[in-house]
Amino acid sequence: MKIIAIYDKPSCVDRYTVYFNVVEGRREGHVFYMTVGMSDDPFYPLGFYQHVSGCLGRHNGKKIHLRDLPKECLVALVRELQE
């Protein structure tokens, strides 16, 4: 599994959306990828980290680099990729 895109949408609880190179389906001309949505600190008791399917695009917010994610998000992703 490889990360293909990361988005930041500060106005949402699931602020960060990470796209993986796993296609989960196609519908109405759109490709749906396996994604993870997460908050600033997914380990915080009120934090958020969830698998969903999603389409790439501007509706996800601003495209960012892996190095732009908070440390806690990076730790969660490392755990994800090790499983």
C-alpha atoms as a PDB file:
ATOM      1  CA  MET A   1       0.000   0.000   0.000  1.00  0.00           C
ATOM      2  CA  LYS A   2       1.320   3.417  -0.973  1.00  0.00           C
ATOM      3  CA  ILE A   3       0.162   6.970  -0.194  1.00  0.00           C
ATOM      4  CA  ILE A   4      -0.824   8.806  -3.378  1.00  0.00           C
ATOM      5  CA  ALA A   5      -2.260  12.080  -2.008  1.00  0.00           C
ATOM      6  CA  ILE A   6      -2.859  13.963   1.243  1.00  0.00           C
ATOM      7  CA  TYR A   7      -5.356  16.787   1.742  1.00  0.00           C
ATOM      8  CA  ASP A   8      -5.911  19.300   4.524  1.00  0.00           C
ATOM      9  CA  LYS A   9      -9.342  20.813   5.165  1.00  0.00           C
ATOM     10  CA  PRO A  10      -9.029  22.774   8.457  1.00  0.00           C
ATOM     11  CA  SER A  11     -12.778  23.388   8.780  1.00  0.00           C
ATOM     12  CA  CYS A  12     -13.607  19.673   9.218  1.00  0.00           C
ATOM     13  CA  VAL A  13     -13.301  17.212  12.115  1.00  0.00           C
ATOM     14  CA  ASP A  14     -11.599  14.816   9.716  1.00  0.00           C
ATOM     15  CA  ARG A  15      -9.196  17.572   8.763  1.00  0.00           C
ATOM     16  CA  TYR A  16      -6.680  15.335   6.988  1.00  0.00           C
ATOM     17  CA  THR A  17      -7.543  12.853   4.253  1.00  0.00           C
ATOM     18  CA  VAL A  18      -4.883  10.405   3.115  1.00  0.00           C
ATOM     19  CA  TYR A  19      -5.395   8.511  -0.160  1.00  0.00           C
ATOM     20  CA  PHE A  20      -3.840   5.107  -0.789  1.00  0.00           C
ATOM     21  CA  ASN A  21      -3.239   3.403  -4.141  1.00  0.00           C
ATOM     22  CA  VAL A  22      -6.034   0.885  -3.484  1.00  0.00           C
ATOM     23  CA  VAL A  23      -9.005   1.311  -5.828  1.00  0.00           C
ATOM     24  CA  GLU A  24     -12.228   0.355  -4.066  1.00  0.00           C
ATOM     25  CA  GLY A  25     -14.598   0.981  -6.935  1.00  0.00           C
ATOM     26  CA  ARG A  26     -15.797   3.179  -9.766  1.00  0.00           C
ATOM     27  CA  ARG A  27     -19.076   5.028 -10.091  1.00  0.00           C
ATOM     28  CA  GLU A  28     -20.354   7.639 -12.544  1.00  0.00           C
ATOM     29  CA  GLY A  29     -16.899   8.205 -14.018  1.00  0.00           C
ATOM     30  CA  HIS A  30     -15.194   8.611 -10.616  1.00  0.00           C
ATOM     31  CA  VAL A  31     -12.543   6.376  -9.106  1.00  0.00           C
ATOM     32  CA  PHE A  32     -12.926   5.663  -5.379  1.00  0.00           C
ATOM     33  CA  TYR A  33      -9.768   4.983  -3.405  1.00  0.00           C
ATOM     34  CA  MET A  34      -9.190   3.638   0.074  1.00  0.00           C
ATOM     35  CA  THR A  35      -8.661   6.642   2.323  1.00  0.00           C
ATOM     36  CA  VAL A  36      -8.158   7.510   5.960  1.00  0.00           C
ATOM     37  CA  GLY A  37      -9.756  10.590   7.457  1.00  0.00           C
ATOM     38  CA  MET A  38      -8.265  11.923  10.690  1.00  0.00           C
ATOM     39  CA  SER A  39      -8.194  14.856  13.060  1.00  0.00           C
ATOM     40  CA  ASP A  40      -5.092  16.754  14.261  1.00  0.00           C
ATOM     41  CA  ASP A  41      -4.524  14.141  16.973  1.00  0.00           C
ATOM     42  CA  PRO A  42      -6.157  10.805  16.214  1.00  0.00           C
ATOM     43  CA  PHE A  43      -5.015   9.373  19.593  1.00  0.00           C
ATOM     44  CA  TYR A  44      -6.742  12.065  21.660  1.00  0.00           C
ATOM     45  CA  PRO A  45      -9.926  10.729  23.355  1.00  0.00           C
ATOM     46  CA  LEU A  46     -12.051  12.963  21.113  1.00  0.00           C
ATOM     47  CA  GLY A  47      -9.775  12.431  18.111  1.00  0.00           C
ATOM     48  CA  PHE A  48     -10.873  10.901  14.835  1.00  0.00           C
ATOM     49  CA  TYR A  49      -9.338   8.227  12.576  1.00  0.00           C
ATOM     50  CA  GLN A  50     -11.536   6.309  10.155  1.00  0.00           C
ATOM     51  CA  HIS A  51     -11.295   4.353   6.909  1.00  0.00           C
ATOM     52  CA  VAL A  52     -13.541   5.561   4.121  1.00  0.00           C
ATOM     53  CA  SER A  53     -13.690   5.514   0.321  1.00  0.00           C
ATOM     54  CA  GLY A  54     -13.152   8.761  -1.513  1.00  0.00           C
ATOM     55  CA  CYS A  55     -12.469  10.532  -4.783  1.00  0.00           C
ATOM     56  CA  LEU A  56      -9.443  12.716  -5.376  1.00  0.00           C
ATOM     57  CA  GLY A  57     -10.166  16.391  -5.912  1.00  0.00           C
ATOM     58  CA  ARG A  58     -10.357  19.933  -4.574  1.00  0.00           C
ATOM     59  CA  HIS A  59     -13.426  19.108  -2.463  1.00  0.00           C
ATOM     60  CA  ASN A  60     -10.955  17.476  -0.033  1.00  0.00           C
ATOM     61  CA  GLY A  61      -9.222  20.780   0.729  1.00  0.00           C
ATOM     62  CA  LYS A  62      -5.657  21.824   0.002  1.00  0.00           C
ATOM     63  CA  LYS A  63      -3.198  19.194  -1.219  1.00  0.00           C
ATOM     64  CA  ILE A  64      -0.236  18.899   1.189  1.00  0.00           C
ATOM     65  CA  HIS A  65       2.941  16.846   1.648  1.00  0.00           C
ATOM     66  CA  LEU A  66       3.502  14.046   4.146  1.00  0.00           C
ATOM     67  CA  ARG A  67       5.952  16.284   6.041  1.00  0.00           C
ATOM     68  CA  ASP A  68       3.105  18.776   6.668  1.00  0.00           C
ATOM     69  CA  LEU A  69       1.102  16.336   8.820  1.00  0.00           C
ATOM     70  CA  PRO A  70       1.242  16.645  12.620  1.00  0.00           C
ATOM     71  CA  LYS A  71       3.469  14.112  14.396  1.00  0.00           C
ATOM     72  CA  GLU A  72       0.485  12.220  15.827  1.00  0.00           C
ATOM     73  CA  CYS A  73      -0.960  11.741  12.338  1.00  0.00           C
ATOM     74  CA  LEU A  74       2.367  10.429  11.069  1.00  0.00           C
ATOM     75  CA  VAL A  75       2.504   7.912  13.929  1.00  0.00           C
ATOM     76  CA  ALA A  76      -1.024   6.719  13.080  1.00  0.00           C
ATOM     77  CA  LEU A  77      -0.085   6.302   9.415  1.00  0.00           C
ATOM     78  CA  VAL A  78       3.081   4.370  10.243  1.00  0.00           C
ATOM     79  CA  ARG A  79       0.996   1.979  12.330  1.00  0.00           C
ATOM     80  CA  GLU A  80      -1.501   1.681   9.471  1.00  0.00           C
ATOM     81  CA  LEU A  81       1.166   0.855   6.916  1.00  0.00           C
ATOM     82  CA  GLN A  82       2.822  -1.709   9.196  1.00  0.00           C
ATOM     83  CA  GLU A  83      -0.377  -3.741   9.543  1.00  0.00           C
END
